[in-house]
Structures are given as structure tokens and as C-alpha cells.
Amino acid sequence: MLAEHEMAAIAAFFDELETARLHEQTVSIAGNGGSASIASHMAVDFGVGGLAGKGAVGLRVLSLTDNASALTAIANDRSYSDVFVGQLATHYRRGDKLIVISASGNSPNVVAAAR
């Protein structure tokens, strides 16, 4: 069972997403491996999946894992640890949000994006 403080954290997370939606801010999502798949799936769910047939406007959401050309260009020209930071340098605007997903919590590219 989820503890009360965990429920408060989940509610705060969704409040941040709703604020981003209302202010037309972009939510970027990043992760490696299986977490990259989760990032892609979250982007669809937050952007359009949960709104089908409801007439609501979805979040402006960007999965930083989905553009293979950007990922490989940044990894090749700079380093793999910069693949998310490099994209955020282009897309991130004041007030935007970032979700990072990591099973280990120490992936250099995810940590760099979070910083």
C-alpha cells in the first residue's frame, strides 16, 4: 500500500504536469534502455493517449529518446553522456519540465540532464 507521503509526492508530480499543460510548457522525458521505452510511452500517454475523444489539449511533451539521428549525432560529435543535454540545449525553455528515468540512478547522460 502506498504511504501517505508517497501519495503526496505523486499528487505533486501531477500538479506539475497540469501546470505545464496550462502554461503550454514542454515536458521532456529521458532514459536509457528499458527506461527509454518508458520515456517514449509516457510521451504518448501524456501527449495524446489519455485524451482520446475527450476534446482536451494534451501536454507539450518530448521524448528525448525518440530521435535516433539526434542521439547518434550528439554521441558521435560530443559524447554519449551529452545526448540528452545536447537536445535540451535546443529545446528547453524557462519553465519547462524534465522527467528522467533511471533504474540505477547513476547513468552519466541522465545525471547530466538532471543537473
N, C-alpha and C. Protein backbone atom coordinates (compact mmCIF):
# COMPACT_ATOMS: atom_id res chain seq x y z
N MET A 1 0.84 -1.17 0.00
CA MET A 1 0.00 0.00 0.00
C MET A 1 0.89 1.24 0.00
N LEU A 2 0.49 2.22 -0.73
CA LEU A 2 1.26 3.45 -0.79
C LEU A 2 1.09 4.27 0.48
N ALA A 3 2.22 4.73 0.99
CA ALA A 3 2.17 5.58 2.19
C ALA A 3 1.63 6.95 1.83
N GLU A 4 1.15 7.66 2.82
CA GLU A 4 0.57 8.99 2.60
C GLU A 4 1.57 9.94 1.96
N HIS A 5 2.84 9.90 2.39
CA HIS A 5 3.84 10.80 1.80
C HIS A 5 4.11 10.45 0.34
N GLU A 6 3.99 9.17 -0.02
CA GLU A 6 4.16 8.77 -1.43
C GLU A 6 3.00 9.30 -2.27
N MET A 7 1.81 9.25 -1.73
CA MET A 7 0.64 9.77 -2.45
C MET A 7 0.77 11.28 -2.64
N ALA A 8 1.31 11.97 -1.64
CA ALA A 8 1.51 13.42 -1.76
C ALA A 8 2.52 13.73 -2.85
N ALA A 9 3.57 12.92 -2.94
CA ALA A 9 4.59 13.12 -3.98
C ALA A 9 4.00 12.88 -5.37
N ILE A 10 3.17 11.85 -5.50
CA ILE A 10 2.52 11.56 -6.78
C ILE A 10 1.57 12.70 -7.16
N ALA A 11 0.82 13.19 -6.20
CA ALA A 11 -0.09 14.31 -6.47
C ALA A 11 0.68 15.56 -6.89
N ALA A 12 1.82 15.81 -6.23
CA ALA A 12 2.64 16.98 -6.59
C ALA A 12 3.19 16.83 -8.01
N PHE A 13 3.58 15.62 -8.38
CA PHE A 13 4.07 15.35 -9.73
C PHE A 13 2.99 15.70 -10.76
N PHE A 14 1.78 15.23 -10.54
CA PHE A 14 0.70 15.51 -11.49
C PHE A 14 0.28 16.97 -11.46
N ASP A 15 0.41 17.63 -10.34
CA ASP A 15 0.17 19.08 -10.30
C ASP A 15 1.17 19.81 -11.19
N GLU A 16 2.43 19.38 -11.16
CA GLU A 16 3.46 19.98 -12.03
C GLU A 16 3.13 19.77 -13.50
N LEU A 17 2.66 18.58 -13.83
CA LEU A 17 2.27 18.30 -15.22
C LEU A 17 1.10 19.17 -15.65
N GLU A 18 0.13 19.33 -14.78
CA GLU A 18 -1.04 20.15 -15.11
C GLU A 18 -0.63 21.61 -15.26
N THR A 19 0.26 22.09 -14.41
CA THR A 19 0.77 23.46 -14.54
C THR A 19 1.46 23.64 -15.88
N ALA A 20 2.28 22.66 -16.25
CA ALA A 20 2.97 22.72 -17.54
C ALA A 20 1.96 22.76 -18.69
N ARG A 21 0.92 21.96 -18.60
CA ARG A 21 -0.10 21.94 -19.67
C ARG A 21 -0.79 23.28 -19.77
N LEU A 22 -1.18 23.83 -18.64
CA LEU A 22 -1.90 25.10 -18.65
C LEU A 22 -1.05 26.27 -19.15
N HIS A 23 0.25 26.20 -18.91
CA HIS A 23 1.16 27.27 -19.33
C HIS A 23 1.87 26.96 -20.66
N GLU A 24 1.43 25.89 -21.33
CA GLU A 24 1.99 25.47 -22.61
C GLU A 24 3.50 25.30 -22.54
N GLN A 25 3.95 24.74 -21.42
CA GLN A 25 5.36 24.41 -21.26
C GLN A 25 5.60 23.01 -21.78
N THR A 26 6.83 22.72 -22.14
CA THR A 26 7.19 21.40 -22.65
C THR A 26 7.71 20.53 -21.53
N VAL A 27 7.30 19.28 -21.52
CA VAL A 27 7.82 18.28 -20.61
C VAL A 27 8.71 17.35 -21.43
N SER A 28 10.00 17.32 -21.13
CA SER A 28 10.93 16.42 -21.80
C SER A 28 11.15 15.21 -20.91
N ILE A 29 11.31 14.04 -21.53
CA ILE A 29 11.49 12.79 -20.79
C ILE A 29 12.70 12.06 -21.34
N ALA A 30 13.57 11.56 -20.44
CA ALA A 30 14.81 10.89 -20.86
C ALA A 30 15.06 9.63 -20.06
N GLY A 31 15.66 8.65 -20.69
CA GLY A 31 16.07 7.42 -20.03
C GLY A 31 16.82 6.54 -21.00
N ASN A 32 17.53 5.55 -20.49
CA ASN A 32 18.30 4.60 -21.30
C ASN A 32 17.67 3.21 -21.27
N GLY A 33 17.90 2.43 -22.32
CA GLY A 33 17.44 1.04 -22.33
C GLY A 33 15.94 0.93 -22.16
N GLY A 34 15.51 0.13 -21.19
CA GLY A 34 14.09 -0.01 -20.90
C GLY A 34 13.47 1.30 -20.49
N SER A 35 14.25 2.13 -19.81
CA SER A 35 13.75 3.46 -19.41
C SER A 35 13.51 4.35 -20.62
N ALA A 36 14.24 4.11 -21.71
CA ALA A 36 13.99 4.86 -22.95
C ALA A 36 12.62 4.49 -23.50
N SER A 37 12.28 3.21 -23.42
CA SER A 37 10.95 2.77 -23.86
C SER A 37 9.86 3.38 -22.99
N ILE A 38 10.11 3.44 -21.69
CA ILE A 38 9.15 4.05 -20.78
C ILE A 38 8.98 5.53 -21.13
N ALA A 39 10.10 6.23 -21.43
CA ALA A 39 10.03 7.64 -21.80
C ALA A 39 9.17 7.84 -23.04
N SER A 40 9.36 6.98 -24.04
CA SER A 40 8.56 7.07 -25.27
C SER A 40 7.08 6.85 -24.97
N HIS A 41 6.80 5.84 -24.17
CA HIS A 41 5.41 5.51 -23.85
C HIS A 41 4.77 6.63 -23.04
N MET A 42 5.49 7.19 -22.08
CA MET A 42 4.96 8.30 -21.29
C MET A 42 4.63 9.49 -22.18
N ALA A 43 5.51 9.76 -23.14
CA ALA A 43 5.29 10.90 -24.04
C ALA A 43 3.98 10.75 -24.79
N VAL A 44 3.71 9.55 -25.27
CA VAL A 44 2.44 9.31 -25.98
C VAL A 44 1.27 9.43 -25.02
N ASP A 45 1.40 8.80 -23.86
CA ASP A 45 0.30 8.85 -22.89
C ASP A 45 -0.01 10.27 -22.46
N PHE A 46 1.02 11.03 -22.13
CA PHE A 46 0.81 12.40 -21.65
C PHE A 46 0.39 13.34 -22.76
N GLY A 47 0.85 13.09 -23.98
CA GLY A 47 0.55 13.99 -25.09
C GLY A 47 -0.79 13.76 -25.72
N VAL A 48 -1.15 12.49 -25.93
CA VAL A 48 -2.40 12.22 -26.63
C VAL A 48 -3.18 11.04 -26.07
N GLY A 49 -2.51 10.05 -25.56
CA GLY A 49 -3.14 8.78 -25.19
C GLY A 49 -4.28 8.91 -24.21
N GLY A 50 -4.12 9.73 -23.19
CA GLY A 50 -5.15 9.85 -22.17
C GLY A 50 -6.28 10.78 -22.55
N LEU A 51 -6.19 11.38 -23.75
CA LEU A 51 -7.17 12.40 -24.12
C LEU A 51 -8.07 11.98 -25.28
N ALA A 52 -7.90 10.78 -25.75
CA ALA A 52 -8.65 10.35 -26.93
C ALA A 52 -10.15 10.55 -26.75
N GLY A 53 -10.73 11.30 -27.64
CA GLY A 53 -12.17 11.51 -27.64
C GLY A 53 -12.68 12.46 -26.58
N LYS A 54 -11.82 13.09 -25.83
CA LYS A 54 -12.28 13.95 -24.74
C LYS A 54 -12.21 15.43 -25.09
N GLY A 55 -11.58 15.76 -26.22
CA GLY A 55 -11.51 17.15 -26.64
C GLY A 55 -10.55 18.01 -25.84
N ALA A 56 -9.79 17.43 -24.94
CA ALA A 56 -8.83 18.19 -24.13
C ALA A 56 -7.52 18.38 -24.88
N VAL A 57 -6.78 19.37 -24.48
CA VAL A 57 -5.46 19.62 -25.06
C VAL A 57 -4.44 18.88 -24.22
N GLY A 58 -3.61 18.09 -24.88
CA GLY A 58 -2.59 17.33 -24.17
C GLY A 58 -1.40 18.18 -23.80
N LEU A 59 -0.48 17.55 -23.11
CA LEU A 59 0.77 18.21 -22.76
C LEU A 59 1.65 18.37 -23.99
N ARG A 60 2.48 19.40 -23.97
CA ARG A 60 3.56 19.51 -24.95
C ARG A 60 4.66 18.63 -24.39
N VAL A 61 4.89 17.50 -24.99
CA VAL A 61 5.83 16.53 -24.43
C VAL A 61 6.79 16.04 -25.49
N LEU A 62 8.03 15.82 -25.08
CA LEU A 62 9.10 15.43 -25.99
C LEU A 62 9.89 14.31 -25.33
N SER A 63 9.91 13.15 -25.97
CA SER A 63 10.75 12.06 -25.51
C SER A 63 12.13 12.26 -26.12
N LEU A 64 13.13 12.49 -25.29
CA LEU A 64 14.49 12.74 -25.78
C LEU A 64 15.15 11.46 -26.29
N THR A 65 14.44 10.35 -26.19
CA THR A 65 14.99 9.07 -26.63
C THR A 65 14.55 8.70 -28.05
N ASP A 66 13.63 9.45 -28.62
CA ASP A 66 12.99 9.02 -29.86
C ASP A 66 13.68 9.45 -31.16
N ASN A 67 14.58 10.39 -31.10
CA ASN A 67 15.21 10.88 -32.33
C ASN A 67 16.59 10.24 -32.47
N ALA A 68 16.63 9.10 -33.19
CA ALA A 68 17.88 8.36 -33.35
C ALA A 68 18.97 9.21 -34.01
N SER A 69 18.58 10.06 -34.95
CA SER A 69 19.58 10.90 -35.63
C SER A 69 20.22 11.88 -34.66
N ALA A 70 19.41 12.51 -33.81
CA ALA A 70 19.96 13.44 -32.81
C ALA A 70 20.83 12.70 -31.81
N LEU A 71 20.34 11.57 -31.32
CA LEU A 71 21.11 10.79 -30.34
C LEU A 71 22.48 10.40 -30.88
N THR A 72 22.50 9.86 -32.10
CA THR A 72 23.78 9.38 -32.64
C THR A 72 24.69 10.52 -33.07
N ALA A 73 24.13 11.63 -33.55
CA ALA A 73 24.96 12.77 -33.92
C ALA A 73 25.64 13.36 -32.68
N ILE A 74 24.88 13.55 -31.62
CA ILE A 74 25.46 14.11 -30.39
C ILE A 74 26.47 13.13 -29.79
N ALA A 75 26.13 11.85 -29.76
CA ALA A 75 27.05 10.84 -29.22
C ALA A 75 28.35 10.80 -30.02
N ASN A 76 28.24 10.90 -31.33
CA ASN A 76 29.42 10.85 -32.20
C ASN A 76 30.25 12.13 -32.12
N ASP A 77 29.59 13.29 -32.17
CA ASP A 77 30.30 14.56 -32.22
C ASP A 77 30.79 15.03 -30.86
N ARG A 78 30.10 14.65 -29.79
CA ARG A 78 30.47 15.09 -28.44
C ARG A 78 30.78 13.87 -27.57
N SER A 79 29.75 13.29 -26.99
CA SER A 79 29.88 12.04 -26.24
C SER A 79 28.49 11.54 -25.90
N TYR A 80 28.41 10.25 -25.58
CA TYR A 80 27.11 9.69 -25.24
C TYR A 80 26.55 10.34 -23.97
N SER A 81 27.41 10.79 -23.10
CA SER A 81 26.93 11.42 -21.87
C SER A 81 26.24 12.75 -22.13
N ASP A 82 26.35 13.28 -23.35
CA ASP A 82 25.71 14.55 -23.71
C ASP A 82 24.44 14.40 -24.55
N VAL A 83 23.99 13.17 -24.79
CA VAL A 83 22.87 13.00 -25.74
C VAL A 83 21.58 13.69 -25.31
N PHE A 84 21.34 13.78 -24.02
CA PHE A 84 20.13 14.46 -23.55
C PHE A 84 20.37 15.94 -23.34
N VAL A 85 21.52 16.29 -22.77
CA VAL A 85 21.88 17.70 -22.56
C VAL A 85 21.93 18.43 -23.90
N GLY A 86 22.47 17.78 -24.91
CA GLY A 86 22.56 18.40 -26.23
C GLY A 86 21.19 18.74 -26.80
N GLN A 87 20.22 17.87 -26.59
CA GLN A 87 18.86 18.14 -27.07
C GLN A 87 18.18 19.20 -26.22
N LEU A 88 18.40 19.15 -24.91
CA LEU A 88 17.80 20.15 -24.02
C LEU A 88 18.33 21.54 -24.33
N ALA A 89 19.58 21.65 -24.75
CA ALA A 89 20.16 22.95 -25.09
C ALA A 89 19.37 23.61 -26.21
N THR A 90 18.79 22.81 -27.08
CA THR A 90 18.00 23.33 -28.19
C THR A 90 16.54 23.56 -27.79
N HIS A 91 15.96 22.61 -27.08
CA HIS A 91 14.51 22.62 -26.86
C HIS A 91 14.05 23.22 -25.54
N TYR A 92 14.87 23.19 -24.52
CA TYR A 92 14.43 23.60 -23.18
C TYR A 92 14.27 25.11 -23.09
N ARG A 93 13.14 25.53 -22.54
CA ARG A 93 12.85 26.94 -22.31
C ARG A 93 12.50 27.13 -20.84
N ARG A 94 12.69 28.33 -20.35
CA ARG A 94 12.39 28.64 -18.95
C ARG A 94 10.99 28.15 -18.58
N GLY A 95 10.89 27.44 -17.47
CA GLY A 95 9.62 26.92 -17.01
C GLY A 95 9.30 25.51 -17.48
N ASP A 96 10.01 25.03 -18.49
CA ASP A 96 9.79 23.67 -18.96
C ASP A 96 10.14 22.66 -17.87
N LYS A 97 9.67 21.45 -18.02
CA LYS A 97 9.89 20.39 -17.04
C LYS A 97 10.72 19.27 -17.67
N LEU A 98 11.40 18.52 -16.81
CA LEU A 98 12.19 17.37 -17.25
C LEU A 98 11.89 16.20 -16.34
N ILE A 99 11.59 15.06 -16.95
CA ILE A 99 11.44 13.81 -16.23
C ILE A 99 12.59 12.91 -16.66
N VAL A 100 13.35 12.41 -15.70
CA VAL A 100 14.41 11.45 -16.01
C VAL A 100 14.07 10.13 -15.36
N ILE A 101 14.36 9.05 -16.07
CA ILE A 101 14.05 7.71 -15.60
C ILE A 101 15.35 6.92 -15.61
N SER A 102 15.69 6.32 -14.46
CA SER A 102 16.91 5.54 -14.38
C SER A 102 16.76 4.49 -13.28
N ALA A 103 16.99 3.23 -13.64
CA ALA A 103 16.93 2.16 -12.64
C ALA A 103 18.09 2.27 -11.66
N SER A 104 19.27 2.63 -12.16
CA SER A 104 20.45 2.71 -11.29
C SER A 104 20.60 4.06 -10.61
N GLY A 105 20.10 5.10 -11.27
CA GLY A 105 20.25 6.45 -10.73
C GLY A 105 21.60 7.06 -10.97
N ASN A 106 22.45 6.39 -11.74
CA ASN A 106 23.78 6.94 -11.96
C ASN A 106 24.25 6.92 -13.41
N SER A 107 23.33 6.86 -14.35
CA SER A 107 23.69 6.92 -15.77
C SER A 107 24.20 8.32 -16.07
N PRO A 108 25.44 8.46 -16.57
CA PRO A 108 26.03 9.78 -16.77
C PRO A 108 25.17 10.73 -17.61
N ASN A 109 24.53 10.22 -18.68
CA ASN A 109 23.74 11.11 -19.53
C ASN A 109 22.45 11.56 -18.85
N VAL A 110 21.86 10.71 -18.02
CA VAL A 110 20.65 11.07 -17.30
C VAL A 110 20.97 12.04 -16.17
N VAL A 111 22.07 11.78 -15.45
CA VAL A 111 22.51 12.67 -14.38
C VAL A 111 22.84 14.04 -14.94
N ALA A 112 23.52 14.09 -16.08
CA ALA A 112 23.88 15.37 -16.72
C ALA A 112 22.62 16.14 -17.10
N ALA A 113 21.63 15.47 -17.62
CA ALA A 113 20.37 16.14 -17.99
C ALA A 113 19.68 16.70 -16.76
N ALA A 114 19.68 15.95 -15.67
CA ALA A 114 19.02 16.38 -14.44
C ALA A 114 19.72 17.60 -13.86
N ARG A 115 21.03 17.66 -14.00
CA ARG A 115 21.77 18.83 -13.50
C ARG A 115 21.40 20.06 -14.30
